Amino acid sequence: MGLIVNLDEFSELCGVTAETMRGYIRAVDGNPGWLIERGDRGRGYKIEPQGGLEWWKAKREADDQAEATRQEQLAQLRLELLGPATDDAEALALSGKKRSEEYAAALQRIQLRRVMGELVEVAELEGPAAAAVIELRRQLKLVSHEYAVAAGLTPEDVRPLEGMIERAVNAFVDALPELMRGPSDA
């Protein structure tokens, strides 16, 4: 007979704690060849590691496949309940815990960008932007009169220029809410 290991050694080989492995081995039906002796009340487990590792690998693969199938079923159920317009397929496959973690991470990124001065609330910009637009409109209204004086023209001669400036300023003011939302919100 080759190498025989105890439960602690076998657990270490498999990368889990002895308590976790004890629960898995207790659930094994029958007497597989790799499980030479079950532990019980002071008597330790005796495990043939090669066969035990093959069992562990097959168990992990089966568990992983079962979890993947479960996640697919959950995603399908979410799709049926919420409809196709809710999220992309990748997001639908996320568990509630994973969605919560992703949301928390997104909030942390937003906070970090605010702290670094890369992100501000639109409300913080509305007042200064409105004041800047009012000042811009006032300054631009003076342009036609200054041009008339410099060119020796009458106020009637520069009235078309006043109209062009007024239309340009109005178009800017109308577009401002869309400009303040930015490309990522559109």
Protein backbone atom coordinates (compact mmCIF):
# COMPACT_ATOMS: atom_id res chain seq x y z
CA MET A 1 0.00 0.00 0.00
CA GLY A 2 1.25 3.51 -0.86
CA LEU A 3 1.12 6.75 1.07
CA ILE A 4 -1.73 7.18 3.57
CA VAL A 5 -2.68 10.63 4.93
CA ASN A 6 -4.91 11.84 7.74
CA LEU A 7 -7.79 14.30 7.39
CA ASP A 8 -5.65 17.37 8.15
CA GLU A 9 -3.08 16.44 5.50
CA PHE A 10 -5.74 15.58 2.95
CA SER A 11 -7.58 18.86 3.62
CA GLU A 12 -4.36 20.77 3.09
CA LEU A 13 -3.79 18.99 -0.23
CA CYS A 14 -7.29 20.00 -1.32
CA GLY A 15 -6.98 23.59 -0.10
CA VAL A 16 -9.82 23.54 2.44
CA THR A 17 -10.04 23.36 6.21
CA ALA A 18 -10.27 20.03 8.01
CA GLU A 19 -13.79 20.91 9.26
CA THR A 20 -14.96 21.62 5.73
CA MET A 21 -13.46 18.40 4.42
CA ARG A 22 -14.93 16.39 7.32
CA GLY A 23 -18.40 17.51 6.23
CA TYR A 24 -17.73 16.52 2.60
CA ILE A 25 -16.34 13.10 3.54
CA ARG A 26 -19.24 12.36 5.89
CA ALA A 27 -21.58 12.90 2.94
CA VAL A 28 -19.76 10.30 0.81
CA ASP A 29 -21.99 7.27 0.27
CA GLY A 30 -20.58 3.79 0.65
CA ASN A 31 -16.95 2.89 1.16
CA PRO A 32 -14.88 4.23 -1.73
CA GLY A 33 -11.45 2.68 -2.20
CA TRP A 34 -9.58 5.89 -1.36
CA LEU A 35 -11.30 6.20 2.06
CA ILE A 36 -9.45 3.48 3.94
CA GLU A 37 -10.86 4.30 7.38
CA ARG A 38 -13.46 6.83 8.49
CA GLY A 39 -12.67 8.84 11.58
CA ASP A 40 -14.88 8.41 14.60
CA ARG A 41 -14.55 9.36 18.30
CA GLY A 42 -10.82 9.71 18.64
CA ARG A 43 -9.96 7.53 15.65
CA GLY A 44 -8.54 9.50 12.72
CA TYR A 45 -9.34 9.23 9.05
CA LYS A 46 -7.01 7.25 6.81
CA ILE A 47 -7.10 8.40 3.21
CA GLU A 48 -5.25 7.24 0.10
CA PRO A 49 -4.39 10.67 -1.35
CA GLN A 50 -4.29 9.85 -5.08
CA GLY A 51 -7.79 8.39 -5.15
CA GLY A 52 -9.02 11.04 -2.73
CA LEU A 53 -7.70 13.85 -4.93
CA GLU A 54 -9.40 12.32 -7.98
CA TRP A 55 -12.67 12.23 -6.01
CA TRP A 56 -12.15 15.83 -4.84
CA LYS A 57 -11.44 17.07 -8.36
CA ALA A 58 -14.55 15.32 -9.74
CA LYS A 59 -16.63 16.70 -6.86
CA ARG A 60 -15.42 20.27 -7.45
CA GLU A 61 -16.12 20.01 -11.18
CA ALA A 62 -19.63 18.66 -10.47
CA ASP A 63 -20.24 21.43 -7.91
CA ASP A 64 -18.98 24.08 -10.35
CA GLN A 65 -21.22 22.71 -13.10
CA ALA A 66 -24.20 22.63 -10.74
CA GLU A 67 -23.54 26.24 -9.71
CA ALA A 68 -23.21 27.34 -13.36
CA THR A 69 -26.50 25.62 -14.16
CA ARG A 70 -28.11 27.28 -11.15
CA GLN A 71 -26.84 30.71 -12.23
CA GLU A 72 -28.19 30.14 -15.76
CA GLN A 73 -31.58 29.22 -14.30
CA LEU A 74 -31.56 32.33 -12.11
CA ALA A 75 -30.63 34.50 -15.09
CA GLN A 76 -33.45 32.95 -17.11
CA LEU A 77 -35.90 33.53 -14.28
CA ARG A 78 -34.78 37.18 -13.97
CA LEU A 79 -35.22 37.57 -17.72
CA GLU A 80 -38.72 36.09 -17.59
CA LEU A 81 -39.73 38.21 -14.60
CA LEU A 82 -38.07 41.49 -15.55
CA GLY A 83 -38.09 41.31 -19.33
CA PRO A 84 -35.31 41.70 -21.87
CA ALA A 85 -34.89 45.46 -21.52
CA THR A 86 -33.63 45.36 -17.93
CA ASP A 87 -29.91 44.60 -18.30
CA ASP A 88 -27.46 42.91 -20.57
CA ALA A 89 -27.05 39.13 -20.34
CA GLU A 90 -23.85 39.39 -18.29
CA ALA A 91 -25.51 41.58 -15.66
CA LEU A 92 -28.53 39.26 -15.47
CA ALA A 93 -26.22 36.39 -14.53
CA LEU A 94 -24.95 38.29 -11.48
CA SER A 95 -26.21 37.21 -8.08
CA GLY A 96 -27.83 39.75 -5.78
CA LYS A 97 -24.70 39.86 -3.63
CA LYS A 98 -22.48 40.44 -6.68
CA ARG A 99 -24.81 43.20 -7.96
CA SER A 100 -24.66 44.84 -4.54
CA GLU A 101 -20.85 44.63 -4.52
CA GLU A 102 -20.65 46.13 -8.03
CA TYR A 103 -23.03 48.94 -7.03
CA ALA A 104 -20.97 49.68 -3.90
CA ALA A 105 -17.77 49.73 -5.99
CA ALA A 106 -19.38 52.16 -8.46
CA LEU A 107 -20.39 54.45 -5.60
CA GLN A 108 -16.83 54.35 -4.24
CA ARG A 109 -15.48 55.31 -7.67
CA ILE A 110 -17.90 58.25 -7.80
CA GLN A 111 -16.85 59.37 -4.30
CA LEU A 112 -13.18 59.13 -5.25
CA ARG A 113 -13.73 61.22 -8.38
CA ARG A 114 -15.56 63.83 -6.30
CA VAL A 115 -12.73 63.97 -3.75
CA MET A 116 -10.18 64.31 -6.54
CA GLY A 117 -12.19 67.18 -8.05
CA GLU A 118 -12.94 65.29 -11.26
CA LEU A 119 -16.68 65.07 -10.62
CA VAL A 120 -19.20 67.65 -9.43
CA GLU A 121 -22.98 67.70 -9.07
CA VAL A 122 -24.87 69.50 -11.84
CA ALA A 123 -26.65 71.58 -9.20
CA GLU A 124 -23.28 72.97 -8.10
CA LEU A 125 -22.69 74.26 -11.63
CA GLU A 126 -26.13 75.67 -12.41
CA GLY A 127 -25.69 78.96 -10.52
CA PRO A 128 -22.24 79.81 -11.86
CA ALA A 129 -23.24 78.70 -15.37
CA ALA A 130 -26.37 80.89 -15.32
CA ALA A 131 -24.33 83.88 -14.13
CA ALA A 132 -21.73 83.26 -16.86
CA VAL A 133 -24.43 83.05 -19.57
CA ILE A 134 -26.02 86.30 -18.37
CA GLU A 135 -22.64 88.05 -18.45
CA LEU A 136 -21.86 86.59 -21.90
CA ARG A 137 -25.20 87.81 -23.25
CA ARG A 138 -24.55 91.31 -21.84
CA GLN A 139 -21.05 91.45 -23.35
CA LEU A 140 -22.21 90.18 -26.76
CA LYS A 141 -25.04 92.76 -26.94
CA LEU A 142 -22.37 95.47 -26.71
CA VAL A 143 -20.44 94.10 -29.71
CA SER A 144 -22.81 95.46 -32.39
CA HIS A 145 -22.79 98.96 -30.83
CA GLU A 146 -18.97 98.96 -30.52
CA TYR A 147 -18.72 97.81 -34.14
CA ALA A 148 -21.08 100.59 -35.27
CA VAL A 149 -18.95 103.23 -33.54
CA ALA A 150 -15.65 101.78 -34.85
CA ALA A 151 -16.96 101.47 -38.43
CA GLY A 152 -18.86 104.73 -38.40
CA LEU A 153 -22.23 103.03 -38.94
CA THR A 154 -25.68 103.93 -37.70
CA PRO A 155 -27.60 101.74 -35.24
CA GLU A 156 -29.89 100.76 -38.16
CA ASP A 157 -26.87 99.48 -40.12
CA VAL A 158 -25.86 97.04 -37.36
CA ARG A 159 -29.38 95.80 -36.48
CA PRO A 160 -28.87 92.59 -38.59
CA LEU A 161 -25.68 91.90 -36.59
CA GLU A 162 -27.64 92.36 -33.33
CA GLY A 163 -30.20 89.80 -34.55
CA MET A 164 -27.49 87.27 -35.44
CA ILE A 165 -25.84 87.65 -32.04
CA GLU A 166 -29.21 87.34 -30.27
CA ARG A 167 -30.07 84.12 -32.18
CA ALA A 168 -26.64 82.62 -31.41
CA VAL A 169 -26.96 83.42 -27.70
CA ASN A 170 -30.51 82.00 -27.57
CA ALA A 171 -29.39 78.79 -29.32
CA PHE A 172 -26.58 78.46 -26.77
CA VAL A 173 -28.97 78.99 -23.83
CA ASP A 174 -31.38 76.40 -25.29
CA ALA A 175 -28.55 73.86 -25.72
CA LEU A 176 -27.05 74.47 -22.28
CA PRO A 177 -29.08 71.86 -20.33
CA GLU A 178 -28.01 69.16 -22.81
CA LEU A 179 -24.39 70.37 -22.69
CA MET A 180 -24.36 70.26 -18.89
CA ARG A 181 -25.60 66.66 -18.83
CA GLY A 182 -22.53 65.64 -20.78
CA PRO A 183 -21.92 62.79 -23.23
CA SER A 184 -22.05 59.97 -20.62
CA ASP A 185 -25.63 60.79 -19.57
CA ALA A 186 -27.09 60.98 -23.05
